[in-house]
Amino acid sequence: MYEVGVYMIANLTVRDAEQYRKYEKGFFPILKRFGGEFVTFDDKHETFEGTDPLQGRVIIFKFPSEKAARDWYDDDEYQVLSEFRRSGTVLKALTLVHELPPRP
Protein backbone atom coordinates (compact mmCIF):
# COMPACT_ATOMS: atom_id res chain seq x y z
CA MET A 1 0.00 0.00 0.00
CA TYR A 2 1.25 3.47 -0.90
CA GLU A 3 1.53 5.98 1.95
CA VAL A 4 0.62 9.48 0.81
CA GLY A 5 2.21 12.66 2.06
CA VAL A 6 0.23 15.33 3.84
CA TYR A 7 0.19 19.08 3.87
CA MET A 8 -0.39 21.19 6.95
CA ILE A 9 -2.12 24.52 6.45
CA ALA A 10 -2.00 27.00 9.32
CA ASN A 11 -4.03 30.19 9.40
CA LEU A 12 -3.12 32.62 12.15
CA THR A 13 -2.78 36.27 13.07
CA VAL A 14 0.43 37.38 14.75
CA ARG A 15 -0.39 39.47 17.82
CA ASP A 16 3.00 39.47 19.58
CA ALA A 17 5.90 39.33 17.10
CA GLU A 18 8.53 38.73 19.81
CA GLN A 19 6.75 35.61 21.12
CA TYR A 20 6.12 34.37 17.59
CA ARG A 21 9.82 34.82 16.65
CA LYS A 22 10.73 32.49 19.54
CA TYR A 23 8.41 29.92 18.01
CA GLU A 24 9.84 30.39 14.50
CA LYS A 25 13.42 29.89 15.74
CA GLY A 26 12.64 26.45 17.12
CA PHE A 27 10.10 25.40 14.50
CA PHE A 28 12.37 24.47 11.59
CA PRO A 29 14.71 22.05 13.41
CA ILE A 30 11.73 20.14 14.82
CA LEU A 31 9.98 20.15 11.43
CA LYS A 32 13.08 18.64 9.79
CA ARG A 33 13.40 15.98 12.49
CA PHE A 34 10.04 14.58 11.39
CA GLY A 35 10.84 14.75 7.68
CA GLY A 36 8.81 17.93 7.23
CA GLU A 37 9.40 20.54 4.56
CA PHE A 38 8.43 24.20 4.62
CA VAL A 39 6.51 25.13 1.46
CA THR A 40 5.48 28.80 1.80
CA PHE A 41 3.73 31.47 3.82
CA ASP A 42 1.73 34.50 2.76
CA ASP A 43 0.50 37.55 4.64
CA LYS A 44 -1.27 39.03 1.58
CA HIS A 45 -3.28 36.12 0.17
CA GLU A 46 -6.55 36.71 -1.64
CA THR A 47 -9.84 34.88 -1.26
CA PHE A 48 -11.71 34.74 -4.56
CA GLU A 49 -14.86 33.09 -3.21
CA GLY A 50 -16.37 31.93 0.05
CA THR A 51 -18.03 33.22 3.17
CA ASP A 52 -15.28 32.44 5.69
CA PRO A 53 -12.10 33.87 4.17
CA LEU A 54 -8.67 33.17 5.57
CA GLN A 55 -7.36 36.01 7.69
CA GLY A 56 -3.81 36.92 8.69
CA ARG A 57 -0.94 34.61 7.77
CA VAL A 58 -1.32 31.37 5.84
CA ILE A 59 1.51 28.85 6.22
CA ILE A 60 1.91 25.62 4.25
CA PHE A 61 4.33 22.81 5.07
CA LYS A 62 4.34 19.11 4.32
CA PHE A 63 5.26 15.73 5.79
CA PRO A 64 6.00 12.43 4.07
CA SER A 65 3.07 10.74 5.86
CA GLU A 66 0.16 11.36 8.19
CA LYS A 67 2.03 9.45 10.89
CA ALA A 68 5.01 11.84 10.61
CA ALA A 69 2.65 14.84 10.89
CA ARG A 70 0.90 13.40 13.94
CA ASP A 71 4.22 12.46 15.57
CA TRP A 72 5.46 16.03 14.98
CA TYR A 73 2.34 17.56 16.50
CA ASP A 74 2.35 15.20 19.49
CA ASP A 75 6.09 15.63 20.13
CA ASP A 76 6.80 16.93 23.65
CA GLU A 77 9.47 19.37 22.42
CA TYR A 78 7.10 20.76 19.78
CA GLN A 79 4.28 21.16 22.31
CA VAL A 80 6.56 23.14 24.64
CA LEU A 81 7.67 25.32 21.72
CA SER A 82 4.10 25.81 20.51
CA GLU A 83 3.29 27.73 23.69
CA PHE A 84 5.16 30.67 22.11
CA ARG A 85 2.87 30.41 19.07
CA ARG A 86 -0.17 30.18 21.29
CA SER A 87 0.85 33.24 23.29
CA GLY A 88 1.93 35.26 20.24
CA THR A 89 -0.85 34.51 17.78
CA VAL A 90 -4.52 33.88 17.33
CA LEU A 91 -4.79 30.55 15.50
CA LYS A 92 -7.84 30.19 13.28
CA ALA A 93 -6.98 26.68 12.04
CA LEU A 94 -4.23 24.09 11.72
CA THR A 95 -5.46 21.68 9.05
CA LEU A 96 -4.07 18.40 7.71
CA VAL A 97 -4.71 17.76 3.98
CA HIS A 98 -3.81 14.43 2.31
CA GLU A 99 -2.00 14.24 -1.02
CA LEU A 100 -3.64 12.22 -3.74
CA PRO A 101 -2.11 8.77 -4.24
CA PRO A 102 -0.34 8.16 -7.54
CA ARG A 103 -2.72 7.30 -10.38
CA PRO A 104 -2.15 4.10 -12.34
C-alpha atoms as a PDB file:
ATOM      1  CA  MET A   1       0.000   0.000   0.000  1.00  0.00           C
ATOM      2  CA  TYR A   2       1.251   3.471  -0.895  1.00  0.00           C
ATOM      3  CA  GLU A   3       1.530   5.976   1.945  1.00  0.00           C
ATOM      4  CA  VAL A   4       0.624   9.483   0.808  1.00  0.00           C
ATOM      5  CA  GLY A   5       2.213  12.661   2.059  1.00  0.00           C
ATOM      6  CA  VAL A   6       0.233  15.326   3.839  1.00  0.00           C
ATOM      7  CA  TYR A   7       0.186  19.085   3.867  1.00  0.00           C
ATOM      8  CA  MET A   8      -0.389  21.192   6.952  1.00  0.00           C
ATOM      9  CA  ILE A   9      -2.118  24.522   6.449  1.00  0.00           C
ATOM     10  CA  ALA A  10      -1.996  26.997   9.315  1.00  0.00           C
ATOM     11  CA  ASN A  11      -4.030  30.189   9.400  1.00  0.00           C
ATOM     12  CA  LEU A  12      -3.119  32.622  12.151  1.00  0.00           C
ATOM     13  CA  THR A  13      -2.776  36.273  13.065  1.00  0.00           C
ATOM     14  CA  VAL A  14       0.429  37.380  14.752  1.00  0.00           C
ATOM     15  CA  ARG A  15      -0.391  39.471  17.824  1.00  0.00           C
ATOM     16  CA  ASP A  16       3.005  39.465  19.580  1.00  0.00           C
ATOM     17  CA  ALA A  17       5.904  39.326  17.102  1.00  0.00           C
ATOM     18  CA  GLU A  18       8.527  38.726  19.808  1.00  0.00           C
ATOM     19  CA  GLN A  19       6.748  35.605  21.123  1.00  0.00           C
ATOM     20  CA  TYR A  20       6.120  34.367  17.589  1.00  0.00           C
ATOM     21  CA  ARG A  21       9.818  34.815  16.654  1.00  0.00           C
ATOM     22  CA  LYS A  22      10.735  32.491  19.544  1.00  0.00           C
ATOM     23  CA  TYR A  23       8.415  29.916  18.005  1.00  0.00           C
ATOM     24  CA  GLU A  24       9.840  30.387  14.504  1.00  0.00           C
ATOM     25  CA  LYS A  25      13.419  29.889  15.745  1.00  0.00           C
ATOM     26  CA  GLY A  26      12.639  26.453  17.116  1.00  0.00           C
ATOM     27  CA  PHE A  27      10.098  25.398  14.497  1.00  0.00           C
ATOM     28  CA  PHE A  28      12.369  24.472  11.594  1.00  0.00           C
ATOM     29  CA  PRO A  29      14.713  22.046  13.408  1.00  0.00           C
ATOM     30  CA  ILE A  30      11.727  20.139  14.821  1.00  0.00           C
ATOM     31  CA  LEU A  31       9.976  20.149  11.434  1.00  0.00           C
ATOM     32  CA  LYS A  32      13.083  18.638   9.785  1.00  0.00           C
ATOM     33  CA  ARG A  33      13.400  15.985  12.493  1.00  0.00           C
ATOM     34  CA  PHE A  34      10.036  14.578  11.393  1.00  0.00           C
ATOM     35  CA  GLY A  35      10.839  14.754   7.677  1.00  0.00           C
ATOM     36  CA  GLY A  36       8.806  17.927   7.228  1.00  0.00           C
ATOM     37  CA  GLU A  37       9.399  20.537   4.562  1.00  0.00           C
ATOM     38  CA  PHE A  38       8.426  24.203   4.625  1.00  0.00           C
ATOM     39  CA  VAL A  39       6.506  25.134   1.456  1.00  0.00           C
ATOM     40  CA  THR A  40       5.481  28.803   1.800  1.00  0.00           C
ATOM     41  CA  PHE A  41       3.729  31.467   3.821  1.00  0.00           C
ATOM     42  CA  ASP A  42       1.726  34.502   2.758  1.00  0.00           C
ATOM     43  CA  ASP A  43       0.497  37.554   4.637  1.00  0.00           C
ATOM     44  CA  LYS A  44      -1.274  39.029   1.579  1.00  0.00           C
ATOM     45  CA  HIS A  45      -3.282  36.125   0.169  1.00  0.00           C
ATOM     46  CA  GLU A  46      -6.554  36.715  -1.644  1.00  0.00           C
ATOM     47  CA  THR A  47      -9.837  34.882  -1.259  1.00  0.00           C
ATOM     48  CA  PHE A  48     -11.714  34.741  -4.560  1.00  0.00           C
ATOM     49  CA  GLU A  49     -14.863  33.095  -3.214  1.00  0.00           C
ATOM     50  CA  GLY A  50     -16.370  31.933   0.045  1.00  0.00           C
ATOM     51  CA  THR A  51     -18.035  33.220   3.166  1.00  0.00           C
ATOM     52  CA  ASP A  52     -15.278  32.437   5.694  1.00  0.00           C
ATOM     53  CA  PRO A  53     -12.102  33.866   4.165  1.00  0.00           C
ATOM     54  CA  LEU A  54      -8.671  33.169   5.567  1.00  0.00           C
ATOM     55  CA  GLN A  55      -7.359  36.010   7.694  1.00  0.00           C
ATOM     56  CA  GLY A  56      -3.811  36.917   8.691  1.00  0.00           C
ATOM     57  CA  ARG A  57      -0.941  34.614   7.773  1.00  0.00           C
ATOM     58  CA  VAL A  58      -1.324  31.369   5.839  1.00  0.00           C
ATOM     59  CA  ILE A  59       1.515  28.851   6.223  1.00  0.00           C
ATOM     60  CA  ILE A  60       1.911  25.617   4.251  1.00  0.00           C
ATOM     61  CA  PHE A  61       4.326  22.810   5.071  1.00  0.00           C
ATOM     62  CA  LYS A  62       4.337  19.106   4.325  1.00  0.00           C
ATOM     63  CA  PHE A  63       5.256  15.734   5.788  1.00  0.00           C
ATOM     64  CA  PRO A  64       5.999  12.428   4.066  1.00  0.00           C
ATOM     65  CA  SER A  65       3.070  10.743   5.860  1.00  0.00           C
ATOM     66  CA  GLU A  66       0.156  11.357   8.186  1.00  0.00           C
ATOM     67  CA  LYS A  67       2.035   9.452  10.892  1.00  0.00           C
ATOM     68  CA  ALA A  68       5.006  11.840  10.606  1.00  0.00           C
ATOM     69  CA  ALA A  69       2.652  14.836  10.895  1.00  0.00           C
ATOM     70  CA  ARG A  70       0.896  13.402  13.939  1.00  0.00           C
ATOM     71  CA  ASP A  71       4.215  12.460  15.566  1.00  0.00           C
ATOM     72  CA  TRP A  72       5.460  16.030  14.976  1.00  0.00           C
ATOM     73  CA  TYR A  73       2.341  17.564  16.495  1.00  0.00           C
ATOM     74  CA  ASP A  74       2.354  15.199  19.490  1.00  0.00           C
ATOM     75  CA  ASP A  75       6.095  15.628  20.131  1.00  0.00           C
ATOM     76  CA  ASP A  76       6.796  16.930  23.654  1.00  0.00           C
ATOM     77  CA  GLU A  77       9.469  19.370  22.422  1.00  0.00           C
ATOM     78  CA  TYR A  78       7.101  20.763  19.782  1.00  0.00           C
ATOM     79  CA  GLN A  79       4.280  21.155  22.305  1.00  0.00           C
ATOM     80  CA  VAL A  80       6.556  23.137  24.644  1.00  0.00           C
ATOM     81  CA  LEU A  81       7.672  25.318  21.724  1.00  0.00           C
ATOM     82  CA  SER A  82       4.101  25.814  20.512  1.00  0.00           C
ATOM     83  CA  GLU A  83       3.290  27.730  23.694  1.00  0.00           C
ATOM     84  CA  PHE A  84       5.165  30.671  22.109  1.00  0.00           C
ATOM     85  CA  ARG A  85       2.868  30.411  19.072  1.00  0.00           C
ATOM     86  CA  ARG A  86      -0.173  30.182  21.290  1.00  0.00           C
ATOM     87  CA  SER A  87       0.849  33.241  23.292  1.00  0.00           C
ATOM     88  CA  GLY A  88       1.934  35.264  20.241  1.00  0.00           C
ATOM     89  CA  THR A  89      -0.848  34.509  17.776  1.00  0.00           C
ATOM     90  CA  VAL A  90      -4.519  33.875  17.330  1.00  0.00           C
ATOM     91  CA  LEU A  91      -4.794  30.553  15.499  1.00  0.00           C
ATOM     92  CA  LYS A  92      -7.842  30.185  13.279  1.00  0.00           C
ATOM     93  CA  ALA A  93      -6.981  26.683  12.043  1.00  0.00           C
ATOM     94  CA  LEU A  94      -4.233  24.089  11.716  1.00  0.00           C
ATOM     95  CA  THR A  95      -5.463  21.676   9.053  1.00  0.00           C
ATOM     96  CA  LEU A  96      -4.072  18.395   7.712  1.00  0.00           C
ATOM     97  CA  VAL A  97      -4.706  17.759   3.983  1.00  0.00           C
ATOM     98  CA  HIS A  98      -3.815  14.431   2.308  1.00  0.00           C
ATOM     99  CA  GLU A  99      -1.996  14.238  -1.019  1.00  0.00           C
ATOM    100  CA  LEU A 100      -3.640  12.222  -3.737  1.00  0.00           C
ATOM    101  CA  PRO A 101      -2.107   8.768  -4.239  1.00  0.00           C
ATOM    102  CA  PRO A 102      -0.343   8.157  -7.545  1.00  0.00           C
ATOM    103  CA  ARG A 103      -2.717   7.305 -10.383  1.00  0.00           C
ATOM    104  CA  PRO A 104      -2.150   4.096 -12.341  1.00  0.00           C
END
